[in-house]
Amino acid sequence: VYIADEAFFTGTAAEVLPIRELDARVIGNGKRGPVTETLQSLYFDQVRGRREAHPEWHTPVTM
């Protein structure tokens, strides 16, 4: 991991979260990398219903 260009956490609470540092060592350039940026964008668009892919993953809730 220490020599990775980028790394990220993913999960229910973390969603998609870049890892900038591990054990006081900077990962990549210390910023969100292009792969993480793409995954975050796709993920957030999907869960917010802005993508047409997999509409069966969504259950509309009115509030």
Protein backbone atom coordinates (compact mmCIF):
# COMPACT_ATOMS: atom_id res chain seq x y z
CA VAL A 1 0.00 0.00 0.00
CA TYR A 2 2.83 2.41 0.78
CA ILE A 3 3.89 2.58 -2.87
CA ALA A 4 0.37 2.69 -4.33
CA ASP A 5 -0.56 5.52 -6.68
CA GLU A 6 -3.85 5.81 -4.81
CA ALA A 7 -6.06 3.92 -2.37
CA PHE A 8 -9.58 4.21 -1.06
CA PHE A 9 -11.98 2.82 1.52
CA THR A 10 -15.40 1.63 0.46
CA GLY A 11 -18.34 0.51 2.54
CA THR A 12 -21.74 1.45 3.89
CA ALA A 13 -20.48 4.31 6.05
CA ALA A 14 -17.39 5.28 4.05
CA GLU A 15 -19.13 5.05 0.65
CA VAL A 16 -16.00 5.77 -1.46
CA LEU A 17 -13.36 7.65 0.50
CA PRO A 18 -9.78 8.38 -0.58
CA ILE A 19 -6.92 7.34 1.68
CA ARG A 20 -4.42 10.17 1.67
CA GLU A 21 -2.02 8.89 4.32
CA LEU A 22 -1.27 5.63 6.09
CA ASP A 23 1.10 5.25 9.04
CA ALA A 24 2.26 8.85 8.50
CA ARG A 25 3.19 8.00 4.89
CA VAL A 26 1.56 9.87 2.03
CA ILE A 27 -0.24 7.66 -0.50
CA GLY A 28 0.39 8.81 -4.07
CA ASN A 29 0.44 12.60 -4.11
CA GLY A 30 -1.69 12.86 -0.96
CA LYS A 31 -4.80 13.81 -2.90
CA ARG A 32 -7.76 11.92 -4.34
CA GLY A 33 -6.57 10.06 -7.43
CA PRO A 34 -8.35 9.76 -10.79
CA VAL A 35 -9.66 6.23 -10.18
CA THR A 36 -11.11 7.21 -6.80
CA GLU A 37 -12.60 10.36 -8.34
CA THR A 38 -14.29 8.33 -11.09
CA LEU A 39 -15.62 5.73 -8.67
CA GLN A 40 -16.93 8.42 -6.31
CA SER A 41 -18.69 10.18 -9.16
CA LEU A 42 -20.27 6.99 -10.51
CA TYR A 43 -21.27 5.84 -7.04
CA PHE A 44 -22.88 9.13 -5.98
CA ASP A 45 -24.71 9.47 -9.29
CA GLN A 46 -26.03 5.92 -8.94
CA VAL A 47 -27.22 6.20 -5.35
CA ARG A 48 -28.84 9.57 -6.03
CA GLY A 49 -30.73 8.22 -9.03
CA ARG A 50 -28.87 10.29 -11.63
CA ARG A 51 -27.85 7.25 -13.67
CA GLU A 52 -30.15 5.07 -15.74
CA ALA A 53 -28.12 1.94 -15.05
CA HIS A 54 -29.78 -0.56 -12.69
CA PRO A 55 -33.03 1.22 -11.82
CA GLU A 56 -33.96 -1.92 -9.86
CA TRP A 57 -31.42 -0.83 -7.24
CA HIS A 58 -33.61 2.15 -6.31
CA THR A 59 -36.76 2.32 -4.25
CA PRO A 60 -38.26 5.82 -4.40
CA VAL A 61 -39.31 7.19 -1.02
CA THR A 62 -41.53 10.25 -0.73
CA MET A 63 -41.08 12.46 2.28
